[in-house]
Structure formats: C-alpha cells, structure tokens
N, C-alpha and C. Protein backbone atom coordinates (compact mmCIF):
# COMPACT_ATOMS: atom_id res chain seq x y z
N UNK A 1 20.95 2.92 -18.08
CA UNK A 1 21.61 2.21 -16.98
C UNK A 1 20.64 1.23 -16.35
N UNK A 2 21.08 0.02 -16.10
CA UNK A 2 20.22 -0.97 -15.51
C UNK A 2 19.99 -0.72 -14.03
N UNK A 3 18.91 -1.25 -13.53
CA UNK A 3 18.59 -1.09 -12.12
C UNK A 3 19.40 -2.07 -11.28
N UNK A 4 19.87 -1.60 -10.14
CA UNK A 4 20.68 -2.48 -9.29
C UNK A 4 20.61 -1.98 -7.86
N UNK A 5 20.46 -2.92 -6.93
CA UNK A 5 20.60 -2.59 -5.53
C UNK A 5 19.30 -2.15 -4.86
N UNK A 6 19.42 -1.92 -3.56
CA UNK A 6 18.28 -1.59 -2.70
C UNK A 6 18.53 -0.23 -2.05
N UNK A 7 17.54 0.62 -2.10
CA UNK A 7 17.58 1.91 -1.42
C UNK A 7 16.68 1.84 -0.19
N UNK A 8 17.18 2.30 0.94
CA UNK A 8 16.43 2.30 2.19
C UNK A 8 15.98 3.73 2.49
N UNK A 9 14.69 3.91 2.73
CA UNK A 9 14.15 5.22 3.13
C UNK A 9 13.64 5.08 4.56
N UNK A 10 14.38 5.63 5.50
CA UNK A 10 14.08 5.47 6.94
C UNK A 10 14.77 6.61 7.68
N UNK A 11 14.03 7.33 8.51
CA UNK A 11 14.62 8.49 9.19
C UNK A 11 15.22 8.18 10.56
N UNK A 12 15.08 6.96 11.03
CA UNK A 12 15.71 6.56 12.30
C UNK A 12 17.02 5.85 12.00
N UNK A 13 18.11 6.41 12.47
CA UNK A 13 19.45 5.97 12.07
C UNK A 13 19.72 4.52 12.45
N UNK A 14 19.43 4.15 13.70
CA UNK A 14 19.77 2.80 14.15
C UNK A 14 19.01 1.72 13.38
N UNK A 15 17.68 1.83 13.25
CA UNK A 15 16.97 0.83 12.44
C UNK A 15 17.43 0.80 10.99
N UNK A 16 17.71 1.96 10.41
CA UNK A 16 18.15 2.01 9.02
C UNK A 16 19.48 1.29 8.84
N UNK A 17 20.42 1.56 9.74
CA UNK A 17 21.73 0.91 9.64
C UNK A 17 21.62 -0.59 9.89
N UNK A 18 20.73 -0.98 10.79
CA UNK A 18 20.54 -2.41 11.06
C UNK A 18 20.02 -3.13 9.81
N UNK A 19 19.02 -2.53 9.16
CA UNK A 19 18.47 -3.13 7.95
C UNK A 19 19.54 -3.22 6.86
N UNK A 20 20.32 -2.15 6.71
CA UNK A 20 21.39 -2.17 5.71
C UNK A 20 22.38 -3.29 5.98
N UNK A 21 22.82 -3.42 7.21
CA UNK A 21 23.80 -4.46 7.56
C UNK A 21 23.21 -5.86 7.38
N UNK A 22 21.94 -6.02 7.73
CA UNK A 22 21.29 -7.32 7.56
C UNK A 22 21.24 -7.71 6.09
N UNK A 23 20.85 -6.77 5.25
CA UNK A 23 20.78 -7.05 3.82
C UNK A 23 22.15 -7.36 3.24
N UNK A 24 23.15 -6.59 3.66
CA UNK A 24 24.50 -6.82 3.14
C UNK A 24 25.05 -8.16 3.59
N UNK A 25 24.71 -8.58 4.81
CA UNK A 25 25.12 -9.90 5.30
C UNK A 25 24.56 -11.02 4.44
N UNK A 26 23.43 -10.75 3.78
CA UNK A 26 22.79 -11.77 2.94
C UNK A 26 22.98 -11.45 1.46
N UNK A 27 24.09 -10.78 1.17
CA UNK A 27 24.57 -10.59 -0.21
C UNK A 27 23.69 -9.67 -1.06
N UNK A 28 22.97 -8.76 -0.41
CA UNK A 28 22.24 -7.74 -1.15
C UNK A 28 23.07 -6.46 -1.21
N UNK A 29 22.99 -5.76 -2.32
CA UNK A 29 23.68 -4.48 -2.47
C UNK A 29 22.75 -3.36 -2.01
N UNK A 30 23.20 -2.56 -1.05
CA UNK A 30 22.44 -1.40 -0.58
C UNK A 30 23.10 -0.15 -1.14
N UNK A 31 22.35 0.62 -1.91
CA UNK A 31 22.93 1.79 -2.59
C UNK A 31 22.97 3.01 -1.67
N UNK A 32 22.21 2.98 -0.57
CA UNK A 32 22.25 4.09 0.36
C UNK A 32 21.00 4.18 1.21
N UNK A 33 21.04 5.11 2.17
CA UNK A 33 19.93 5.35 3.09
C UNK A 33 19.50 6.81 2.96
N UNK A 34 18.20 7.02 2.84
CA UNK A 34 17.64 8.37 2.79
C UNK A 34 16.73 8.58 3.98
N UNK A 35 16.83 9.74 4.62
CA UNK A 35 16.01 10.00 5.80
C UNK A 35 14.82 10.92 5.50
N UNK A 36 14.82 11.53 4.31
CA UNK A 36 13.74 12.45 3.99
C UNK A 36 13.49 12.46 2.47
N UNK A 37 12.48 13.21 2.06
CA UNK A 37 12.06 13.26 0.65
C UNK A 37 13.21 13.70 -0.25
N UNK A 38 13.86 14.81 0.07
CA UNK A 38 14.88 15.37 -0.82
C UNK A 38 16.07 14.42 -0.97
N UNK A 39 16.50 13.84 0.15
CA UNK A 39 17.62 12.90 0.08
C UNK A 39 17.24 11.67 -0.73
N UNK A 40 16.02 11.18 -0.54
CA UNK A 40 15.55 10.03 -1.29
C UNK A 40 15.47 10.30 -2.78
N UNK A 41 14.97 11.48 -3.13
CA UNK A 41 14.86 11.85 -4.54
C UNK A 41 16.24 11.90 -5.19
N UNK A 42 17.20 12.52 -4.50
CA UNK A 42 18.56 12.64 -5.05
C UNK A 42 19.24 11.27 -5.14
N UNK A 43 19.10 10.45 -4.09
CA UNK A 43 19.75 9.14 -4.08
C UNK A 43 19.19 8.25 -5.19
N UNK A 44 17.87 8.32 -5.41
CA UNK A 44 17.26 7.53 -6.48
C UNK A 44 17.85 7.91 -7.84
N UNK A 45 17.96 9.20 -8.10
CA UNK A 45 18.49 9.65 -9.39
C UNK A 45 19.95 9.28 -9.57
N UNK A 46 20.69 9.21 -8.46
CA UNK A 46 22.11 8.87 -8.53
C UNK A 46 22.35 7.38 -8.69
N UNK A 47 21.47 6.55 -8.13
CA UNK A 47 21.77 5.11 -8.05
C UNK A 47 20.83 4.22 -8.85
N UNK A 48 19.62 4.71 -9.20
CA UNK A 48 18.66 3.93 -9.98
C UNK A 48 18.44 2.54 -9.38
N UNK A 49 17.96 2.45 -8.13
CA UNK A 49 17.84 1.14 -7.46
C UNK A 49 16.73 0.28 -8.05
N UNK A 50 16.88 -1.01 -7.87
CA UNK A 50 15.85 -1.95 -8.30
C UNK A 50 14.70 -2.02 -7.31
N UNK A 51 15.04 -1.85 -6.02
CA UNK A 51 14.05 -1.98 -4.95
C UNK A 51 14.21 -0.85 -3.95
N UNK A 52 13.07 -0.31 -3.48
CA UNK A 52 13.09 0.69 -2.41
C UNK A 52 12.35 0.12 -1.21
N UNK A 53 13.02 0.09 -0.05
CA UNK A 53 12.38 -0.21 1.23
C UNK A 53 12.03 1.14 1.85
N UNK A 54 10.76 1.44 1.94
CA UNK A 54 10.34 2.81 2.25
C UNK A 54 9.44 2.88 3.47
N UNK A 55 9.93 3.54 4.52
CA UNK A 55 9.08 3.82 5.67
C UNK A 55 8.06 4.88 5.25
N UNK A 56 6.82 4.72 5.67
CA UNK A 56 5.78 5.67 5.28
C UNK A 56 5.96 7.00 5.99
N UNK A 57 6.29 6.96 7.28
CA UNK A 57 6.51 8.19 8.04
C UNK A 57 8.00 8.50 8.07
N UNK A 58 8.39 9.59 7.43
CA UNK A 58 9.80 9.98 7.40
C UNK A 58 9.93 11.44 7.81
N UNK A 59 11.17 11.86 7.99
CA UNK A 59 11.45 13.22 8.44
C UNK A 59 10.94 14.24 7.43
N UNK A 60 10.39 15.34 7.93
CA UNK A 60 9.92 16.40 7.06
C UNK A 60 8.42 16.35 6.84
N UNK A 61 7.94 17.28 6.03
CA UNK A 61 6.50 17.41 5.81
C UNK A 61 5.96 16.42 4.80
N UNK A 62 6.84 15.87 3.97
CA UNK A 62 6.41 14.92 2.94
C UNK A 62 6.72 13.49 3.36
N UNK A 63 5.80 12.59 3.08
CA UNK A 63 5.89 11.21 3.55
C UNK A 63 6.63 10.31 2.56
N UNK A 64 6.82 9.06 2.99
CA UNK A 64 7.37 8.07 2.08
C UNK A 64 6.46 7.82 0.89
N UNK A 65 5.16 7.96 1.11
CA UNK A 65 4.20 7.82 0.01
C UNK A 65 4.41 8.93 -1.02
N UNK A 66 4.61 10.16 -0.54
CA UNK A 66 4.88 11.28 -1.44
C UNK A 66 6.14 11.01 -2.27
N UNK A 67 7.16 10.49 -1.62
CA UNK A 67 8.40 10.19 -2.31
C UNK A 67 8.18 9.12 -3.38
N UNK A 68 7.53 8.03 -3.00
CA UNK A 68 7.29 6.95 -3.96
C UNK A 68 6.47 7.44 -5.14
N UNK A 69 5.46 8.27 -4.87
CA UNK A 69 4.62 8.80 -5.95
C UNK A 69 5.46 9.61 -6.94
N UNK A 70 6.36 10.43 -6.41
CA UNK A 70 7.22 11.25 -7.26
C UNK A 70 8.20 10.38 -8.05
N UNK A 71 8.76 9.38 -7.37
CA UNK A 71 9.76 8.54 -8.03
C UNK A 71 9.14 7.66 -9.11
N UNK A 72 7.85 7.35 -8.99
CA UNK A 72 7.18 6.55 -10.02
C UNK A 72 7.20 7.28 -11.37
N UNK A 73 7.33 8.60 -11.35
CA UNK A 73 7.39 9.37 -12.61
C UNK A 73 8.80 9.39 -13.18
N UNK A 74 9.78 8.92 -12.40
CA UNK A 74 11.18 9.00 -12.82
C UNK A 74 11.74 7.69 -13.37
N UNK A 75 11.16 6.55 -12.98
CA UNK A 75 11.69 5.29 -13.44
C UNK A 75 10.99 4.11 -12.79
N UNK A 76 11.37 2.92 -13.22
CA UNK A 76 10.78 1.70 -12.71
C UNK A 76 11.56 1.21 -11.50
N UNK A 77 10.83 0.71 -10.52
CA UNK A 77 11.46 0.11 -9.36
C UNK A 77 10.41 -0.70 -8.60
N UNK A 78 10.88 -1.62 -7.77
CA UNK A 78 9.99 -2.37 -6.89
C UNK A 78 9.96 -1.67 -5.54
N UNK A 79 8.84 -1.84 -4.82
CA UNK A 79 8.60 -1.04 -3.63
C UNK A 79 8.02 -1.88 -2.51
N UNK A 80 8.66 -1.82 -1.35
CA UNK A 80 8.12 -2.43 -0.14
C UNK A 80 7.95 -1.32 0.89
N UNK A 81 6.72 -1.14 1.37
CA UNK A 81 6.48 -0.16 2.42
C UNK A 81 6.70 -0.79 3.79
N UNK A 82 7.32 -0.02 4.67
CA UNK A 82 7.49 -0.40 6.07
C UNK A 82 6.60 0.51 6.89
N UNK A 83 5.70 -0.04 7.67
CA UNK A 83 4.77 0.80 8.41
C UNK A 83 4.36 0.17 9.73
N UNK A 84 4.20 1.02 10.74
CA UNK A 84 3.78 0.55 12.05
C UNK A 84 2.31 0.82 12.30
N UNK A 85 1.71 1.63 11.47
CA UNK A 85 0.32 2.01 11.69
C UNK A 85 -0.25 2.56 10.40
N UNK A 86 -1.55 2.84 10.42
CA UNK A 86 -2.16 3.42 9.24
C UNK A 86 -3.66 3.46 9.36
N UNK A 87 -4.28 4.18 8.47
CA UNK A 87 -5.72 4.22 8.38
C UNK A 87 -6.12 4.04 6.93
N UNK A 88 -7.40 4.04 6.67
CA UNK A 88 -7.88 3.77 5.32
C UNK A 88 -7.33 4.76 4.31
N UNK A 89 -7.36 6.05 4.64
CA UNK A 89 -6.90 7.07 3.70
C UNK A 89 -5.41 6.89 3.39
N UNK A 90 -4.60 6.60 4.43
CA UNK A 90 -3.18 6.39 4.21
C UNK A 90 -2.92 5.17 3.35
N UNK A 91 -3.63 4.08 3.64
CA UNK A 91 -3.42 2.85 2.88
C UNK A 91 -3.84 3.01 1.43
N UNK A 92 -4.93 3.74 1.20
CA UNK A 92 -5.36 3.97 -0.18
C UNK A 92 -4.36 4.83 -0.93
N UNK A 93 -3.81 5.84 -0.24
CA UNK A 93 -2.78 6.68 -0.86
C UNK A 93 -1.54 5.85 -1.18
N UNK A 94 -1.16 4.97 -0.26
CA UNK A 94 -0.01 4.10 -0.49
C UNK A 94 -0.27 3.18 -1.68
N UNK A 95 -1.48 2.65 -1.77
CA UNK A 95 -1.80 1.70 -2.83
C UNK A 95 -1.71 2.34 -4.21
N UNK A 96 -1.96 3.64 -4.29
CA UNK A 96 -1.87 4.34 -5.57
C UNK A 96 -0.45 4.33 -6.15
N UNK A 97 0.55 4.11 -5.29
CA UNK A 97 1.93 4.07 -5.75
C UNK A 97 2.36 2.66 -6.16
N UNK A 98 1.43 1.72 -6.14
CA UNK A 98 1.63 0.35 -6.61
C UNK A 98 2.80 -0.36 -5.90
N UNK A 99 2.71 -0.49 -4.56
CA UNK A 99 3.75 -1.24 -3.84
C UNK A 99 3.66 -2.73 -4.13
N UNK A 100 4.79 -3.40 -4.05
CA UNK A 100 4.81 -4.85 -4.21
C UNK A 100 4.42 -5.55 -2.92
N UNK A 101 4.78 -4.95 -1.79
CA UNK A 101 4.47 -5.54 -0.50
C UNK A 101 4.40 -4.47 0.57
N UNK A 102 3.81 -4.83 1.72
CA UNK A 102 3.88 -4.06 2.95
C UNK A 102 4.51 -4.94 4.02
N UNK A 103 5.34 -4.34 4.86
CA UNK A 103 5.86 -5.03 6.04
C UNK A 103 5.40 -4.26 7.27
N UNK A 104 4.68 -4.92 8.16
CA UNK A 104 4.18 -4.28 9.36
C UNK A 104 5.22 -4.36 10.48
N UNK A 105 5.55 -3.21 11.06
CA UNK A 105 6.46 -3.18 12.20
C UNK A 105 5.70 -3.60 13.47
N UNK A 106 6.35 -4.32 14.37
CA UNK A 106 7.72 -4.84 14.24
C UNK A 106 7.75 -6.13 13.42
N UNK A 107 8.71 -6.24 12.54
CA UNK A 107 8.85 -7.45 11.73
C UNK A 107 10.18 -8.12 12.09
N UNK A 108 10.26 -9.40 11.82
CA UNK A 108 11.48 -10.14 12.13
C UNK A 108 12.48 -10.02 10.98
N UNK A 109 13.73 -10.37 11.27
CA UNK A 109 14.74 -10.42 10.21
C UNK A 109 14.30 -11.36 9.09
N UNK A 110 13.74 -12.49 9.50
CA UNK A 110 13.32 -13.48 8.50
C UNK A 110 12.20 -12.94 7.60
N UNK A 111 11.27 -12.20 8.19
CA UNK A 111 10.18 -11.63 7.39
C UNK A 111 10.71 -10.61 6.39
N UNK A 112 11.64 -9.77 6.83
CA UNK A 112 12.23 -8.77 5.93
C UNK A 112 12.97 -9.44 4.79
N UNK A 113 13.82 -10.40 5.11
CA UNK A 113 14.62 -11.06 4.08
C UNK A 113 13.72 -11.83 3.11
N UNK A 114 12.68 -12.47 3.62
CA UNK A 114 11.77 -13.20 2.75
C UNK A 114 11.02 -12.25 1.82
N UNK A 115 10.60 -11.11 2.34
CA UNK A 115 9.88 -10.14 1.52
C UNK A 115 10.77 -9.58 0.42
N UNK A 116 12.00 -9.28 0.77
CA UNK A 116 12.95 -8.77 -0.23
C UNK A 116 13.21 -9.82 -1.31
N UNK A 117 13.44 -11.05 -0.87
CA UNK A 117 13.72 -12.13 -1.84
C UNK A 117 12.53 -12.34 -2.76
N UNK A 118 11.33 -12.39 -2.19
CA UNK A 118 10.13 -12.62 -3.00
C UNK A 118 9.93 -11.50 -4.01
N UNK A 119 10.10 -10.27 -3.57
CA UNK A 119 9.88 -9.13 -4.44
C UNK A 119 10.92 -9.07 -5.56
N UNK A 120 12.17 -9.33 -5.23
CA UNK A 120 13.23 -9.26 -6.24
C UNK A 120 13.21 -10.44 -7.21
N UNK A 121 12.98 -11.64 -6.69
CA UNK A 121 13.15 -12.83 -7.52
C UNK A 121 11.85 -13.34 -8.12
N UNK A 122 10.73 -13.10 -7.45
CA UNK A 122 9.49 -13.67 -7.92
C UNK A 122 8.46 -12.64 -8.31
N UNK A 123 8.81 -11.37 -8.14
CA UNK A 123 7.97 -10.32 -8.69
C UNK A 123 6.71 -9.99 -7.92
N UNK A 124 6.64 -10.31 -6.62
CA UNK A 124 5.50 -9.83 -5.88
C UNK A 124 4.62 -10.91 -5.31
N UNK A 125 3.31 -10.58 -5.15
CA UNK A 125 2.42 -11.42 -4.37
C UNK A 125 1.23 -11.96 -5.18
N UNK A 126 1.45 -12.26 -6.46
CA UNK A 126 0.33 -12.74 -7.27
C UNK A 126 -0.27 -14.02 -6.70
N UNK A 127 0.59 -14.93 -6.26
CA UNK A 127 0.10 -16.18 -5.68
C UNK A 127 -0.68 -15.91 -4.41
N UNK A 128 -0.19 -15.00 -3.59
CA UNK A 128 -0.90 -14.64 -2.37
C UNK A 128 -2.26 -14.02 -2.67
N UNK A 129 -2.31 -13.21 -3.72
CA UNK A 129 -3.59 -12.60 -4.10
C UNK A 129 -4.61 -13.66 -4.47
N UNK A 130 -4.19 -14.64 -5.24
CA UNK A 130 -5.10 -15.72 -5.63
C UNK A 130 -5.57 -16.50 -4.41
N UNK A 131 -4.62 -16.83 -3.53
CA UNK A 131 -4.98 -17.60 -2.34
C UNK A 131 -5.92 -16.82 -1.42
N UNK A 132 -5.69 -15.51 -1.31
CA UNK A 132 -6.57 -14.69 -0.47
C UNK A 132 -7.97 -14.65 -1.06
N UNK A 133 -8.08 -14.51 -2.36
CA UNK A 133 -9.40 -14.48 -2.98
C UNK A 133 -10.14 -15.80 -2.74
N UNK A 134 -9.42 -16.91 -2.81
CA UNK A 134 -10.05 -18.21 -2.57
C UNK A 134 -10.60 -18.30 -1.14
N UNK A 135 -9.84 -17.76 -0.18
CA UNK A 135 -10.30 -17.78 1.21
C UNK A 135 -11.47 -16.84 1.41
N UNK A 136 -11.41 -15.67 0.80
CA UNK A 136 -12.51 -14.70 0.93
C UNK A 136 -13.80 -15.28 0.37
N UNK A 137 -13.68 -16.08 -0.68
CA UNK A 137 -14.86 -16.68 -1.28
C UNK A 137 -15.60 -17.62 -0.33
N UNK A 138 -14.90 -18.05 0.73
CA UNK A 138 -15.50 -18.97 1.70
C UNK A 138 -16.19 -18.25 2.86
N UNK A 139 -16.07 -16.92 2.92
CA UNK A 139 -16.70 -16.17 4.00
C UNK A 139 -18.20 -16.09 3.79
N UNK A 140 -18.92 -15.99 4.91
CA UNK A 140 -20.37 -15.79 4.82
C UNK A 140 -20.67 -14.35 4.42
N UNK A 141 -21.91 -14.09 4.04
CA UNK A 141 -22.29 -12.74 3.66
C UNK A 141 -22.09 -11.77 4.82
N UNK A 142 -22.44 -12.19 6.03
CA UNK A 142 -22.25 -11.32 7.19
C UNK A 142 -20.78 -11.03 7.42
N UNK A 143 -19.94 -12.04 7.26
CA UNK A 143 -18.50 -11.83 7.42
C UNK A 143 -17.96 -10.88 6.36
N UNK A 144 -18.45 -11.01 5.14
CA UNK A 144 -18.04 -10.09 4.08
C UNK A 144 -18.45 -8.66 4.40
N UNK A 145 -19.65 -8.49 4.93
CA UNK A 145 -20.13 -7.16 5.32
C UNK A 145 -19.20 -6.55 6.36
N UNK A 146 -18.77 -7.37 7.32
CA UNK A 146 -17.91 -6.86 8.38
C UNK A 146 -16.53 -6.52 7.85
N UNK A 147 -15.99 -7.33 6.95
CA UNK A 147 -14.70 -7.02 6.34
C UNK A 147 -14.77 -5.68 5.62
N UNK A 148 -15.86 -5.44 4.89
CA UNK A 148 -16.01 -4.17 4.18
C UNK A 148 -15.99 -2.98 5.15
N UNK A 149 -16.65 -3.14 6.29
CA UNK A 149 -16.69 -2.06 7.27
C UNK A 149 -15.33 -1.86 7.94
N UNK A 150 -14.59 -2.94 8.16
CA UNK A 150 -13.24 -2.82 8.71
C UNK A 150 -12.34 -2.05 7.74
N UNK A 151 -12.47 -2.35 6.46
CA UNK A 151 -11.69 -1.65 5.45
C UNK A 151 -12.05 -0.16 5.42
N UNK A 152 -13.30 0.13 5.73
CA UNK A 152 -13.75 1.53 5.76
C UNK A 152 -13.35 2.24 7.05
N UNK A 153 -12.66 1.52 7.94
CA UNK A 153 -12.11 2.15 9.13
C UNK A 153 -13.00 2.14 10.34
N UNK A 154 -14.10 1.38 10.31
CA UNK A 154 -15.02 1.35 11.44
C UNK A 154 -14.53 0.39 12.52
N UNK A 155 -14.81 0.72 13.79
CA UNK A 155 -14.49 -0.20 14.88
C UNK A 155 -15.70 -1.08 15.18
N UNK A 156 -15.56 -1.95 16.17
CA UNK A 156 -16.62 -2.93 16.44
C UNK A 156 -17.93 -2.25 16.84
N UNK A 157 -17.86 -1.21 17.65
CA UNK A 157 -19.08 -0.52 18.06
C UNK A 157 -19.79 0.12 16.87
N UNK A 158 -19.03 0.73 15.98
CA UNK A 158 -19.61 1.37 14.81
C UNK A 158 -20.21 0.35 13.85
N UNK A 159 -19.52 -0.78 13.70
CA UNK A 159 -20.03 -1.84 12.82
C UNK A 159 -21.32 -2.41 13.39
N UNK A 160 -21.35 -2.61 14.70
CA UNK A 160 -22.55 -3.14 15.34
C UNK A 160 -23.75 -2.23 15.10
N UNK A 161 -23.54 -0.92 15.24
CA UNK A 161 -24.63 0.04 15.02
C UNK A 161 -25.07 0.05 13.56
N UNK A 162 -24.11 -0.03 12.67
CA UNK A 162 -24.43 0.03 11.24
C UNK A 162 -25.17 -1.21 10.76
N UNK A 163 -24.79 -2.36 11.30
CA UNK A 163 -25.38 -3.62 10.84
C UNK A 163 -26.51 -4.11 11.76
N UNK A 164 -26.81 -3.33 12.80
CA UNK A 164 -27.90 -3.67 13.72
C UNK A 164 -27.70 -5.03 14.40
N UNK A 165 -26.45 -5.24 14.86
CA UNK A 165 -26.13 -6.45 15.61
C UNK A 165 -25.34 -6.02 16.85
N UNK A 166 -25.11 -6.94 17.77
CA UNK A 166 -24.40 -6.58 19.00
C UNK A 166 -22.89 -6.52 18.76
N UNK A 167 -22.21 -5.77 19.64
CA UNK A 167 -20.76 -5.69 19.56
C UNK A 167 -20.13 -7.07 19.77
N UNK A 168 -20.67 -7.85 20.67
CA UNK A 168 -20.14 -9.20 20.90
C UNK A 168 -20.21 -10.06 19.64
N UNK A 169 -21.31 -9.91 18.89
CA UNK A 169 -21.46 -10.65 17.63
C UNK A 169 -20.40 -10.21 16.63
N UNK A 170 -20.18 -8.90 16.56
CA UNK A 170 -19.14 -8.37 15.66
C UNK A 170 -17.77 -8.92 16.04
N UNK A 171 -17.45 -8.88 17.34
CA UNK A 171 -16.15 -9.36 17.79
C UNK A 171 -15.96 -10.85 17.49
N UNK A 172 -17.03 -11.62 17.64
CA UNK A 172 -16.96 -13.06 17.31
C UNK A 172 -16.68 -13.25 15.83
N UNK A 173 -17.39 -12.51 15.00
CA UNK A 173 -17.16 -12.59 13.55
C UNK A 173 -15.73 -12.17 13.20
N UNK A 174 -15.25 -11.12 13.85
CA UNK A 174 -13.89 -10.64 13.55
C UNK A 174 -12.85 -11.70 13.86
N UNK A 175 -13.01 -12.38 14.99
CA UNK A 175 -12.06 -13.47 15.33
C UNK A 175 -12.13 -14.58 14.29
N UNK A 176 -13.33 -14.93 13.88
CA UNK A 176 -13.50 -15.99 12.88
C UNK A 176 -12.92 -15.60 11.53
N UNK A 177 -13.10 -14.33 11.16
CA UNK A 177 -12.58 -13.84 9.89
C UNK A 177 -11.05 -13.93 9.86
N UNK A 178 -10.42 -13.46 10.93
CA UNK A 178 -8.96 -13.53 10.99
C UNK A 178 -8.48 -14.97 10.92
N UNK A 179 -9.20 -15.86 11.58
CA UNK A 179 -8.83 -17.28 11.56
C UNK A 179 -8.97 -17.86 10.16
N UNK A 180 -10.09 -17.57 9.51
CA UNK A 180 -10.34 -18.11 8.17
C UNK A 180 -9.37 -17.56 7.12
N UNK A 181 -9.01 -16.28 7.26
CA UNK A 181 -8.13 -15.66 6.27
C UNK A 181 -6.66 -15.76 6.65
N UNK A 182 -6.39 -16.30 7.84
CA UNK A 182 -5.02 -16.54 8.29
C UNK A 182 -4.24 -15.24 8.48
N UNK A 183 -4.89 -14.26 9.13
CA UNK A 183 -4.21 -13.02 9.50
C UNK A 183 -4.15 -12.93 11.02
N UNK A 184 -3.09 -12.27 11.51
CA UNK A 184 -2.92 -12.17 12.96
C UNK A 184 -3.63 -10.96 13.55
N UNK A 185 -3.93 -9.96 12.73
CA UNK A 185 -4.60 -8.77 13.24
C UNK A 185 -5.36 -8.06 12.13
N UNK A 186 -6.19 -7.11 12.52
CA UNK A 186 -7.07 -6.43 11.56
C UNK A 186 -6.29 -5.58 10.58
N UNK A 187 -5.23 -4.90 11.04
CA UNK A 187 -4.45 -4.06 10.12
C UNK A 187 -3.85 -4.89 9.00
N UNK A 188 -3.35 -6.06 9.32
CA UNK A 188 -2.79 -6.93 8.30
C UNK A 188 -3.87 -7.32 7.29
N UNK A 189 -5.06 -7.62 7.78
CA UNK A 189 -6.19 -7.95 6.90
C UNK A 189 -6.51 -6.79 5.96
N UNK A 190 -6.64 -5.58 6.53
CA UNK A 190 -7.01 -4.41 5.73
C UNK A 190 -5.97 -4.12 4.65
N UNK A 191 -4.70 -4.21 5.00
CA UNK A 191 -3.62 -3.95 4.04
C UNK A 191 -3.73 -4.90 2.85
N UNK A 192 -3.94 -6.19 3.11
CA UNK A 192 -3.98 -7.16 2.03
C UNK A 192 -5.25 -7.03 1.19
N UNK A 193 -6.37 -6.73 1.83
CA UNK A 193 -7.61 -6.53 1.07
C UNK A 193 -7.47 -5.35 0.13
N UNK A 194 -6.87 -4.25 0.62
CA UNK A 194 -6.68 -3.09 -0.24
C UNK A 194 -5.65 -3.35 -1.34
N UNK A 195 -4.56 -4.03 -0.98
CA UNK A 195 -3.51 -4.28 -1.96
C UNK A 195 -4.01 -5.11 -3.13
N UNK A 196 -4.82 -6.13 -2.84
CA UNK A 196 -5.25 -7.05 -3.89
C UNK A 196 -6.64 -6.74 -4.42
N UNK A 197 -7.21 -5.60 -3.97
CA UNK A 197 -8.54 -5.18 -4.43
C UNK A 197 -9.62 -6.23 -4.19
N UNK A 198 -9.44 -7.00 -3.12
CA UNK A 198 -10.45 -7.98 -2.75
C UNK A 198 -11.64 -7.21 -2.16
N UNK A 199 -12.84 -7.54 -2.63
CA UNK A 199 -14.10 -6.94 -2.18
C UNK A 199 -14.35 -5.56 -2.76
N UNK A 200 -13.34 -4.93 -3.36
CA UNK A 200 -13.48 -3.53 -3.78
C UNK A 200 -14.00 -3.44 -5.21
C-alpha cells in the first residue's frame, strides 16, 4: 500500500484539531490524531501515512521520539518534530530518528504550512544544510568554539569559565553568531547544527 496523508501526534486536543483543520483547509489529507504512543502506533499501522507531525512531549511515559524510533522499524515516512523546548540529550535522541525538520513552538500557520510543503514536495532541508555550512565557514575560531559549547548545553557563564574569557565577551559573540547564521535564538541554532551535523 502506498503512503498517503499526514498523521498528527499531539496530546493537546485544541492545538491538534487546529493543525488538522489548517492542513485540511490547504488540501492536505489528515489520516488522524494520536495523543500517545499506543494510539500513534496503531494509527500508523492502519493508515501508513507519508508524513508524521510529532510533538516530542506526549501523554504517557513514552515520548514522541520513542514513537518515531519504533515506527522507523515499521515503514518509511517523513517526520517533522514539534517542540517548545529541549536539551542536548533530547535533541540527539530526536536526531537518531532522522527527522526531516523541526518546528519550534510557537510557530505561525505560515511556518507550519511551509514546512509541510517543503518536506512533502522537496524532500527536506538539503539546500538549507549547504547554506548553513557556508555561513558556519565564515565564523571565527572563537565563534566556532562558542557554538560547540552551546551545542554541548553550556550557558554563557560556563562557556566563559571554560574558555577563560568574560561573560560579556561570550554574550557579544553569541549575538554576532546568531546574526551571522541568521537564527533568532540559541535553541534554533542548536537544532540546526545537530540536524545537519555541522561542527560535529
């Protein structure tokens, strides 16, 4: 059976229904909504979706990452993670499931629709990976050192102590790094660096 449609994994009813209605308004087929691991596993087997929109934190003891990891053994599908927060360990665990994209909450309708369209029609972020690498190549050695420490989960005070520089110097570098790489915040930077294996 061919893959078709989008499966939503989200344990909050109102946001899940909103996303479903938004996608349907733009001519996407939604095969269903799952609020937990067991429902997601069953829905996947019943519908064989092409794309899963998966919240990382879902109802129950097992996460969206656990679900995606299990489903990767069952069939092929594209994957977009929806997340409001995270740390290095969580992001690395998510990356092991080979997501096509991450969407950071809160995201706009336009960002969601663009991510879905890109993932379904163009197959992911290869162009973005190339562009990010080109920008990273323009960073100074000190800036690269700081990016590595941010990916390792250190804050400005910890980075300052590790690199023997002042916190103000670290904060200045961090602002410049975000500007050069065109990211709005550190979490967005870390997600993309991990996703595309930049610096790693």
